[in-house]
């Protein structure tokens, strides 16, 4: 029968097929998605701080009473965890804070509960003196972060201060960073000062550094030496400034007699 078929030509049978593919499953992840908002846990904890709900400790800061929660403070700060759960201040209902102003302590609690800085955290914008810089809220929070073991707070304050590092302010900020163990901020200051040493040496902050912080001056010398090894261009100028700093000269090449 096949031999007599019209579909057989020259002993060849040609068959045309249409193949259809049915997909039994679809990748729904590519078709649909749900947007997950940013975490609002800080807002919820902040509400607890604001309305004092469930507070079990009162801080007396310069006569102002501030309510808080021992568990929240202990979870965030090793200082408070030790105070509340090592038996020393476990039963205390009111604690006097004598090393911080009310505004600074409130800003510290704002960070503890919300993990953010207050909107009025300011940066160094006009003055370069150590006294003026140390009076800013940012610097006071940096010191508080060091005092209460809040490393993230120190990093956030250091990030703000980094934005205002200049030839005039770097020595003062470096001194504060070293005092409050802000290692990241200190490293940024050392690098900036080393790269701009000739101009930095003319600032009032550098004179304070030279007179009162010999160890920091030594660290600065080591940083300058490291920068010289990394940079081949301009080495003569950098080496000249480094030599002046190490042997007591000034940036005009004059020898300065060391004080005894």
C-alpha atoms as a PDB file:
ATOM      1  CA  UNK A   1       0.000   0.000   0.000  1.00  0.00           C
ATOM      2  CA  UNK A   2       2.869   2.396   0.862  1.00  0.00           C
ATOM      3  CA  UNK A   3       4.466   1.841  -2.526  1.00  0.00           C
ATOM      4  CA  UNK A   4       1.283   3.010  -4.270  1.00  0.00           C
ATOM      5  CA  UNK A   5       0.855   6.037  -2.047  1.00  0.00           C
ATOM      6  CA  UNK A   6       1.026   9.515  -3.563  1.00  0.00           C
ATOM      7  CA  UNK A   7       3.231  10.622  -0.609  1.00  0.00           C
ATOM      8  CA  UNK A   8       6.068   8.356  -1.643  1.00  0.00           C
ATOM      9  CA  UNK A   9       8.321   9.875  -4.245  1.00  0.00           C
ATOM     10  CA  UNK A  10      11.635   8.428  -5.372  1.00  0.00           C
ATOM     11  CA  UNK A  11      11.541   5.965  -2.487  1.00  0.00           C
ATOM     12  CA  UNK A  12      11.405   8.854  -0.011  1.00  0.00           C
ATOM     13  CA  UNK A  13       8.676   9.752   2.463  1.00  0.00           C
ATOM     14  CA  UNK A  14       8.605  13.353   3.633  1.00  0.00           C
ATOM     15  CA  UNK A  15       6.644  14.183   6.792  1.00  0.00           C
ATOM     16  CA  UNK A  16       5.970  17.773   7.952  1.00  0.00           C
ATOM     17  CA  UNK A  17       5.243  18.153  11.663  1.00  0.00           C
ATOM     18  CA  UNK A  18       4.130  21.100  13.788  1.00  0.00           C
ATOM     19  CA  UNK A  19       5.366  20.855  17.359  1.00  0.00           C
ATOM     20  CA  UNK A  20       3.684  22.846  20.103  1.00  0.00           C
ATOM     21  CA  UNK A  21       5.273  23.399  23.569  1.00  0.00           C
ATOM     22  CA  UNK A  22       3.014  23.795  26.597  1.00  0.00           C
ATOM     23  CA  UNK A  23       4.590  25.490  29.621  1.00  0.00           C
ATOM     24  CA  UNK A  24       3.274  23.824  32.731  1.00  0.00           C
ATOM     25  CA  UNK A  25       4.650  26.406  35.199  1.00  0.00           C
ATOM     26  CA  UNK A  26       5.484  30.115  35.118  1.00  0.00           C
ATOM     27  CA  UNK A  27       8.153  32.083  36.971  1.00  0.00           C
ATOM     28  CA  UNK A  28       5.850  34.251  39.036  1.00  0.00           C
ATOM     29  CA  UNK A  29       8.758  36.096  40.672  1.00  0.00           C
ATOM     30  CA  UNK A  30       9.382  37.887  37.385  1.00  0.00           C
ATOM     31  CA  UNK A  31       5.741  38.777  36.875  1.00  0.00           C
ATOM     32  CA  UNK A  32       4.766  39.943  40.351  1.00  0.00           C
ATOM     33  CA  UNK A  33       6.572  41.619  43.253  1.00  0.00           C
ATOM     34  CA  UNK A  34       5.768  43.256  46.574  1.00  0.00           C
ATOM     35  CA  UNK A  35       7.635  46.363  47.662  1.00  0.00           C
ATOM     36  CA  UNK A  36       8.860  46.056  51.245  1.00  0.00           C
ATOM     37  CA  UNK A  37       9.228  49.470  52.929  1.00  0.00           C
ATOM     38  CA  UNK A  38      12.276  50.466  54.945  1.00  0.00           C
ATOM     39  CA  UNK A  39      12.340  49.247  58.523  1.00  0.00           C
ATOM     40  CA  UNK A  40      10.380  51.486  60.882  1.00  0.00           C
ATOM     41  CA  UNK A  41      11.537  49.823  64.084  1.00  0.00           C
ATOM     42  CA  UNK A  42      13.402  53.000  65.026  1.00  0.00           C
ATOM     43  CA  UNK A  43      10.209  55.019  64.742  1.00  0.00           C
ATOM     44  CA  UNK A  44       8.388  52.604  67.044  1.00  0.00           C
ATOM     45  CA  UNK A  45      11.139  52.675  69.647  1.00  0.00           C
ATOM     46  CA  UNK A  46      11.255  56.453  69.305  1.00  0.00           C
ATOM     47  CA  UNK A  47       7.560  56.635  70.159  1.00  0.00           C
ATOM     48  CA  UNK A  48       8.282  54.712  73.353  1.00  0.00           C
ATOM     49  CA  UNK A  49      10.879  57.314  74.255  1.00  0.00           C
ATOM     50  CA  UNK A  50       8.594  60.224  73.422  1.00  0.00           C
ATOM     51  CA  UNK A  51       5.499  59.058  75.306  1.00  0.00           C
ATOM     52  CA  UNK A  52       7.504  57.414  78.158  1.00  0.00           C
ATOM     53  CA  UNK A  53       5.354  54.287  77.911  1.00  0.00           C
ATOM     54  CA  UNK A  54       6.724  51.532  80.135  1.00  0.00           C
ATOM     55  CA  UNK A  55       9.719  53.581  81.282  1.00  0.00           C
ATOM     56  CA  UNK A  56      11.482  52.180  84.323  1.00  0.00           C
ATOM     57  CA  UNK A  57      14.378  54.582  84.890  1.00  0.00           C
ATOM     58  CA  UNK A  58      14.668  58.350  85.218  1.00  0.00           C
ATOM     59  CA  UNK A  59      17.776  60.340  84.401  1.00  0.00           C
ATOM     60  CA  UNK A  60      18.388  63.608  86.188  1.00  0.00           C
ATOM     61  CA  UNK A  61      20.414  65.785  83.833  1.00  0.00           C
ATOM     62  CA  UNK A  62      21.098  69.238  85.251  1.00  0.00           C
ATOM     63  CA  UNK A  63      17.776  69.098  87.086  1.00  0.00           C
ATOM     64  CA  UNK A  64      15.786  67.946  84.048  1.00  0.00           C
ATOM     65  CA  UNK A  65      14.069  64.557  84.415  1.00  0.00           C
ATOM     66  CA  UNK A  66      14.280  62.286  81.374  1.00  0.00           C
ATOM     67  CA  UNK A  67      12.453  58.924  81.277  1.00  0.00           C
ATOM     68  CA  UNK A  68      13.895  55.865  79.523  1.00  0.00           C
ATOM     69  CA  UNK A  69      13.888  52.049  79.456  1.00  0.00           C
ATOM     70  CA  UNK A  70      16.632  49.934  80.988  1.00  0.00           C
ATOM     71  CA  UNK A  71      16.295  47.088  78.483  1.00  0.00           C
ATOM     72  CA  UNK A  72      16.633  49.373  75.470  1.00  0.00           C
ATOM     73  CA  UNK A  73      19.640  51.161  76.945  1.00  0.00           C
ATOM     74  CA  UNK A  74      21.273  47.882  77.960  1.00  0.00           C
ATOM     75  CA  UNK A  75      20.791  46.374  74.510  1.00  0.00           C
ATOM     76  CA  UNK A  76      22.536  49.317  72.874  1.00  0.00           C
ATOM     77  CA  UNK A  77      25.211  50.359  75.335  1.00  0.00           C
ATOM     78  CA  UNK A  78      27.709  48.151  77.222  1.00  0.00           C
ATOM     79  CA  UNK A  79      28.013  50.946  79.791  1.00  0.00           C
ATOM     80  CA  UNK A  80      24.318  50.809  80.681  1.00  0.00           C
ATOM     81  CA  UNK A  81      24.221  47.008  80.429  1.00  0.00           C
ATOM     82  CA  UNK A  82      26.957  46.798  83.037  1.00  0.00           C
ATOM     83  CA  UNK A  83      25.284  49.426  85.211  1.00  0.00           C
ATOM     84  CA  UNK A  84      21.825  47.862  85.173  1.00  0.00           C
ATOM     85  CA  UNK A  85      22.639  44.146  85.229  1.00  0.00           C
ATOM     86  CA  UNK A  86      25.897  43.781  87.124  1.00  0.00           C
ATOM     87  CA  UNK A  87      24.293  44.626  90.430  1.00  0.00           C
ATOM     88  CA  UNK A  88      25.699  48.143  90.787  1.00  0.00           C
ATOM     89  CA  UNK A  89      22.691  50.176  89.672  1.00  0.00           C
ATOM     90  CA  UNK A  90      20.126  47.434  89.111  1.00  0.00           C
ATOM     91  CA  UNK A  91      17.623  48.827  91.602  1.00  0.00           C
ATOM     92  CA  UNK A  92      18.215  52.501  90.893  1.00  0.00           C
ATOM     93  CA  UNK A  93      15.122  54.339  89.715  1.00  0.00           C
ATOM     94  CA  UNK A  94      16.780  57.725  89.235  1.00  0.00           C
ATOM     95  CA  UNK A  95      20.300  58.248  87.942  1.00  0.00           C
ATOM     96  CA  UNK A  96      22.142  61.555  87.953  1.00  0.00           C
ATOM     97  CA  UNK A  97      24.073  62.364  84.756  1.00  0.00           C
ATOM     98  CA  UNK A  98      26.685  64.991  85.534  1.00  0.00           C
ATOM     99  CA  UNK A  99      28.956  64.759  82.482  1.00  0.00           C
ATOM    100  CA  UNK A 100      26.452  65.737  79.770  1.00  0.00           C
ATOM    101  CA  UNK A 101      24.135  68.649  79.085  1.00  0.00           C
ATOM    102  CA  UNK A 102      20.403  67.864  78.723  1.00  0.00           C
ATOM    103  CA  UNK A 103      20.500  68.622  74.988  1.00  0.00           C
ATOM    104  CA  UNK A 104      23.421  66.248  74.437  1.00  0.00           C
ATOM    105  CA  UNK A 105      21.896  63.463  76.548  1.00  0.00           C
ATOM    106  CA  UNK A 106      18.601  63.769  74.673  1.00  0.00           C
ATOM    107  CA  UNK A 107      20.475  63.551  71.380  1.00  0.00           C
ATOM    108  CA  UNK A 108      22.256  60.455  72.700  1.00  0.00           C
ATOM    109  CA  UNK A 109      18.927  58.833  73.629  1.00  0.00           C
ATOM    110  CA  UNK A 110      17.547  59.783  70.208  1.00  0.00           C
ATOM    111  CA  UNK A 111      20.347  57.751  68.653  1.00  0.00           C
ATOM    112  CA  UNK A 112      19.918  54.850  71.085  1.00  0.00           C
ATOM    113  CA  UNK A 113      16.219  54.494  70.268  1.00  0.00           C
ATOM    114  CA  UNK A 114      16.094  55.548  66.608  1.00  0.00           C
ATOM    115  CA  UNK A 115      19.641  54.803  65.368  1.00  0.00           C
ATOM    116  CA  UNK A 116      19.764  58.247  63.746  1.00  0.00           C
ATOM    117  CA  UNK A 117      21.154  61.648  64.627  1.00  0.00           C
ATOM    118  CA  UNK A 118      18.932  64.552  65.568  1.00  0.00           C
ATOM    119  CA  UNK A 119      18.236  67.130  62.888  1.00  0.00           C
ATOM    120  CA  UNK A 120      20.075  69.842  64.792  1.00  0.00           C
ATOM    121  CA  UNK A 121      23.400  67.985  64.842  1.00  0.00           C
ATOM    122  CA  UNK A 122      25.742  70.654  63.564  1.00  0.00           C
ATOM    123  CA  UNK A 123      29.134  70.564  61.899  1.00  0.00           C
ATOM    124  CA  UNK A 124      32.173  72.795  62.064  1.00  0.00           C
ATOM    125  CA  UNK A 125      31.602  75.528  59.524  1.00  0.00           C
ATOM    126  CA  UNK A 126      33.290  78.721  60.623  1.00  0.00           C
ATOM    127  CA  UNK A 127      35.790  78.216  63.422  1.00  0.00           C
ATOM    128  CA  UNK A 128      38.935  76.110  63.485  1.00  0.00           C
ATOM    129  CA  UNK A 129      39.939  76.474  67.137  1.00  0.00           C
ATOM    130  CA  UNK A 130      39.922  73.457  69.397  1.00  0.00           C
ATOM    131  CA  UNK A 131      37.656  75.154  71.937  1.00  0.00           C
ATOM    132  CA  UNK A 132      35.039  76.175  69.354  1.00  0.00           C
ATOM    133  CA  UNK A 133      35.001  72.786  67.654  1.00  0.00           C
ATOM    134  CA  UNK A 134      34.699  70.967  70.977  1.00  0.00           C
ATOM    135  CA  UNK A 135      31.573  73.021  71.787  1.00  0.00           C
ATOM    136  CA  UNK A 136      29.573  71.755  68.797  1.00  0.00           C
ATOM    137  CA  UNK A 137      26.814  69.195  69.387  1.00  0.00           C
ATOM    138  CA  UNK A 138      28.503  66.798  66.969  1.00  0.00           C
ATOM    139  CA  UNK A 139      31.731  66.773  68.954  1.00  0.00           C
ATOM    140  CA  UNK A 140      29.920  66.480  72.282  1.00  0.00           C
ATOM    141  CA  UNK A 141      28.016  63.483  70.912  1.00  0.00           C
ATOM    142  CA  UNK A 142      31.308  62.001  69.736  1.00  0.00           C
ATOM    143  CA  UNK A 143      32.607  62.260  73.298  1.00  0.00           C
ATOM    144  CA  UNK A 144      29.358  60.798  74.671  1.00  0.00           C
ATOM    145  CA  UNK A 145      29.576  57.887  72.244  1.00  0.00           C
ATOM    146  CA  UNK A 146      33.051  57.144  73.555  1.00  0.00           C
ATOM    147  CA  UNK A 147      31.932  57.477  77.169  1.00  0.00           C
ATOM    148  CA  UNK A 148      28.928  55.152  76.803  1.00  0.00           C
ATOM    149  CA  UNK A 149      30.394  52.625  74.360  1.00  0.00           C
ATOM    150  CA  UNK A 150      28.316  53.627  71.312  1.00  0.00           C
ATOM    151  CA  UNK A 151      30.745  52.938  68.476  1.00  0.00           C
ATOM    152  CA  UNK A 152      28.181  53.499  65.724  1.00  0.00           C
ATOM    153  CA  UNK A 153      27.359  56.925  67.157  1.00  0.00           C
ATOM    154  CA  UNK A 154      31.063  57.771  67.064  1.00  0.00           C
ATOM    155  CA  UNK A 155      31.241  56.736  63.411  1.00  0.00           C
ATOM    156  CA  UNK A 156      28.224  58.840  62.497  1.00  0.00           C
ATOM    157  CA  UNK A 157      29.606  61.903  64.281  1.00  0.00           C
ATOM    158  CA  UNK A 158      32.999  61.299  62.697  1.00  0.00           C
ATOM    159  CA  UNK A 159      31.362  61.177  59.270  1.00  0.00           C
ATOM    160  CA  UNK A 160      29.850  64.622  59.907  1.00  0.00           C
ATOM    161  CA  UNK A 161      33.147  66.073  61.117  1.00  0.00           C
ATOM    162  CA  UNK A 162      34.955  64.667  58.071  1.00  0.00           C
ATOM    163  CA  UNK A 163      32.929  66.969  55.840  1.00  0.00           C
ATOM    164  CA  UNK A 164      34.465  70.019  57.513  1.00  0.00           C
ATOM    165  CA  UNK A 165      38.109  68.987  57.644  1.00  0.00           C
ATOM    166  CA  UNK A 166      40.215  71.810  56.257  1.00  0.00           C
ATOM    167  CA  UNK A 167      43.747  73.116  56.538  1.00  0.00           C
ATOM    168  CA  UNK A 168      42.673  75.294  59.465  1.00  0.00           C
ATOM    169  CA  UNK A 169      40.557  72.736  61.339  1.00  0.00           C
ATOM    170  CA  UNK A 170      42.298  69.406  60.743  1.00  0.00           C
ATOM    171  CA  UNK A 171      44.739  69.644  63.668  1.00  0.00           C
ATOM    172  CA  UNK A 172      41.948  70.461  66.115  1.00  0.00           C
ATOM    173  CA  UNK A 173      39.703  67.666  64.827  1.00  0.00           C
ATOM    174  CA  UNK A 174      42.667  65.274  64.920  1.00  0.00           C
ATOM    175  CA  UNK A 175      43.241  66.103  68.591  1.00  0.00           C
ATOM    176  CA  UNK A 176      39.580  65.444  69.433  1.00  0.00           C
ATOM    177  CA  UNK A 177      39.522  62.213  67.403  1.00  0.00           C
ATOM    178  CA  UNK A 178      42.543  60.931  69.300  1.00  0.00           C
ATOM    179  CA  UNK A 179      41.095  61.960  72.659  1.00  0.00           C
ATOM    180  CA  UNK A 180      37.807  60.136  72.043  1.00  0.00           C
ATOM    181  CA  UNK A 181      39.299  57.044  70.330  1.00  0.00           C
ATOM    182  CA  UNK A 182      37.646  57.780  66.976  1.00  0.00           C
ATOM    183  CA  UNK A 183      40.135  55.758  64.950  1.00  0.00           C
ATOM    184  CA  UNK A 184      38.489  56.202  61.546  1.00  0.00           C
ATOM    185  CA  UNK A 185      38.226  59.976  61.928  1.00  0.00           C
ATOM    186  CA  UNK A 186      41.795  60.103  63.213  1.00  0.00           C
ATOM    187  CA  UNK A 187      43.067  58.210  60.167  1.00  0.00           C
ATOM    188  CA  UNK A 188      41.295  60.629  57.805  1.00  0.00           C
ATOM    189  CA  UNK A 189      42.776  63.628  59.638  1.00  0.00           C
ATOM    190  CA  UNK A 190      46.300  62.196  59.588  1.00  0.00           C
ATOM    191  CA  UNK A 191      46.104  61.500  55.864  1.00  0.00           C
ATOM    192  CA  UNK A 192      44.741  64.966  55.080  1.00  0.00           C
ATOM    193  CA  UNK A 193      47.320  66.697  57.287  1.00  0.00           C
ATOM    194  CA  UNK A 194      50.164  64.684  55.750  1.00  0.00           C
ATOM    195  CA  UNK A 195      49.068  65.547  52.213  1.00  0.00           C
ATOM    196  CA  UNK A 196      48.716  69.268  53.060  1.00  0.00           C
ATOM    197  CA  UNK A 197      51.437  69.561  55.678  1.00  0.00           C
ATOM    198  CA  UNK A 198      53.021  72.827  54.557  1.00  0.00           C
ATOM    199  CA  UNK A 199      49.728  74.716  54.916  1.00  0.00           C
ATOM    200  CA  UNK A 200      48.617  72.835  58.034  1.00  0.00           C
ATOM    201  CA  UNK A 201      51.832  73.821  59.841  1.00  0.00           C
ATOM    202  CA  UNK A 202      50.761  77.463  59.636  1.00  0.00           C
ATOM    203  CA  UNK A 203      47.479  76.893  61.486  1.00  0.00           C
ATOM    204  CA  UNK A 204      46.828  77.650  65.148  1.00  0.00           C
ATOM    205  CA  UNK A 205      45.659  74.087  65.653  1.00  0.00           C
ATOM    206  CA  UNK A 206      49.024  72.743  64.584  1.00  0.00           C
ATOM    207  CA  UNK A 207      50.785  74.956  67.122  1.00  0.00           C
ATOM    208  CA  UNK A 208      48.559  73.471  69.837  1.00  0.00           C
ATOM    209  CA  UNK A 209      49.292  69.998  68.521  1.00  0.00           C
ATOM    210  CA  UNK A 210      53.013  70.646  68.569  1.00  0.00           C
ATOM    211  CA  UNK A 211      53.019  72.001  72.117  1.00  0.00           C
ATOM    212  CA  UNK A 212      50.593  69.576  73.765  1.00  0.00           C
ATOM    213  CA  UNK A 213      50.420  66.363  71.721  1.00  0.00           C
ATOM    214  CA  UNK A 214      53.936  65.101  70.907  1.00  0.00           C
ATOM    215  CA  UNK A 215      52.702  61.553  70.297  1.00  0.00           C
ATOM    216  CA  UNK A 216      50.232  62.782  67.694  1.00  0.00           C
ATOM    217  CA  UNK A 217      52.987  64.774  66.043  1.00  0.00           C
ATOM    218  CA  UNK A 218      55.038  61.595  65.876  1.00  0.00           C
ATOM    219  CA  UNK A 219      52.126  59.739  64.258  1.00  0.00           C
ATOM    220  CA  UNK A 220      51.796  62.545  61.754  1.00  0.00           C
ATOM    221  CA  UNK A 221      55.475  62.172  60.835  1.00  0.00           C
ATOM    222  CA  UNK A 222      54.968  58.465  60.213  1.00  0.00           C
ATOM    223  CA  UNK A 223      51.960  59.208  58.021  1.00  0.00           C
ATOM    224  CA  UNK A 224      53.963  61.774  56.037  1.00  0.00           C
ATOM    225  CA  UNK A 225      56.706  59.199  55.509  1.00  0.00           C
ATOM    226  CA  UNK A 226      54.115  56.714  54.245  1.00  0.00           C
ATOM    227  CA  UNK A 227      52.647  59.255  51.839  1.00  0.00           C
ATOM    228  CA  UNK A 228      56.115  60.004  50.463  1.00  0.00           C
ATOM    229  CA  UNK A 229      56.660  56.346  49.688  1.00  0.00           C
ATOM    230  CA  UNK A 230      53.337  56.174  47.845  1.00  0.00           C
ATOM    231  CA  UNK A 231      53.803  59.394  45.870  1.00  0.00           C
ATOM    232  CA  UNK A 232      56.811  59.809  43.594  1.00  0.00           C
ATOM    233  CA  UNK A 233      55.762  63.153  42.189  1.00  0.00           C
ATOM    234  CA  UNK A 234      56.415  66.213  44.338  1.00  0.00           C
ATOM    235  CA  UNK A 235      58.678  64.218  46.637  1.00  0.00           C
ATOM    236  CA  UNK A 236      61.236  66.993  47.021  1.00  0.00           C
ATOM    237  CA  UNK A 237      58.731  69.453  48.468  1.00  0.00           C
ATOM    238  CA  UNK A 238      57.200  66.843  50.756  1.00  0.00           C
ATOM    239  CA  UNK A 239      60.577  65.712  52.022  1.00  0.00           C
ATOM    240  CA  UNK A 240      61.559  69.300  52.727  1.00  0.00           C
ATOM    241  CA  UNK A 241      58.446  69.884  54.845  1.00  0.00           C
ATOM    242  CA  UNK A 242      58.905  66.566  56.643  1.00  0.00           C
ATOM    243  CA  UNK A 243      62.475  67.467  57.523  1.00  0.00           C
ATOM    244  CA  UNK A 244      61.410  70.891  58.795  1.00  0.00           C
ATOM    245  CA  UNK A 245      58.753  69.346  61.010  1.00  0.00           C
ATOM    246  CA  UNK A 246      61.060  66.693  62.426  1.00  0.00           C
ATOM    247  CA  UNK A 247      63.954  69.030  63.240  1.00  0.00           C
ATOM    248  CA  UNK A 248      61.969  72.094  64.316  1.00  0.00           C
ATOM    249  CA  UNK A 249      62.064  74.246  61.186  1.00  0.00           C
ATOM    250  CA  UNK A 250      59.212  76.293  59.779  1.00  0.00           C
ATOM    251  CA  UNK A 251      57.730  76.246  56.285  1.00  0.00           C
ATOM    252  CA  UNK A 252      59.969  79.087  55.105  1.00  0.00           C
ATOM    253  CA  UNK A 253      63.068  77.043  55.757  1.00  0.00           C
ATOM    254  CA  UNK A 254      64.139  78.885  58.915  1.00  0.00           C
ATOM    255  CA  UNK A 255      65.424  76.922  61.858  1.00  0.00           C
ATOM    256  CA  UNK A 256      63.231  77.150  64.973  1.00  0.00           C
ATOM    257  CA  UNK A 257      64.888  76.523  68.322  1.00  0.00           C
ATOM    258  CA  UNK A 258      63.115  73.866  70.360  1.00  0.00           C
ATOM    259  CA  UNK A 259      61.687  74.922  73.695  1.00  0.00           C
ATOM    260  CA  UNK A 260      63.162  73.349  76.790  1.00  0.00           C
END
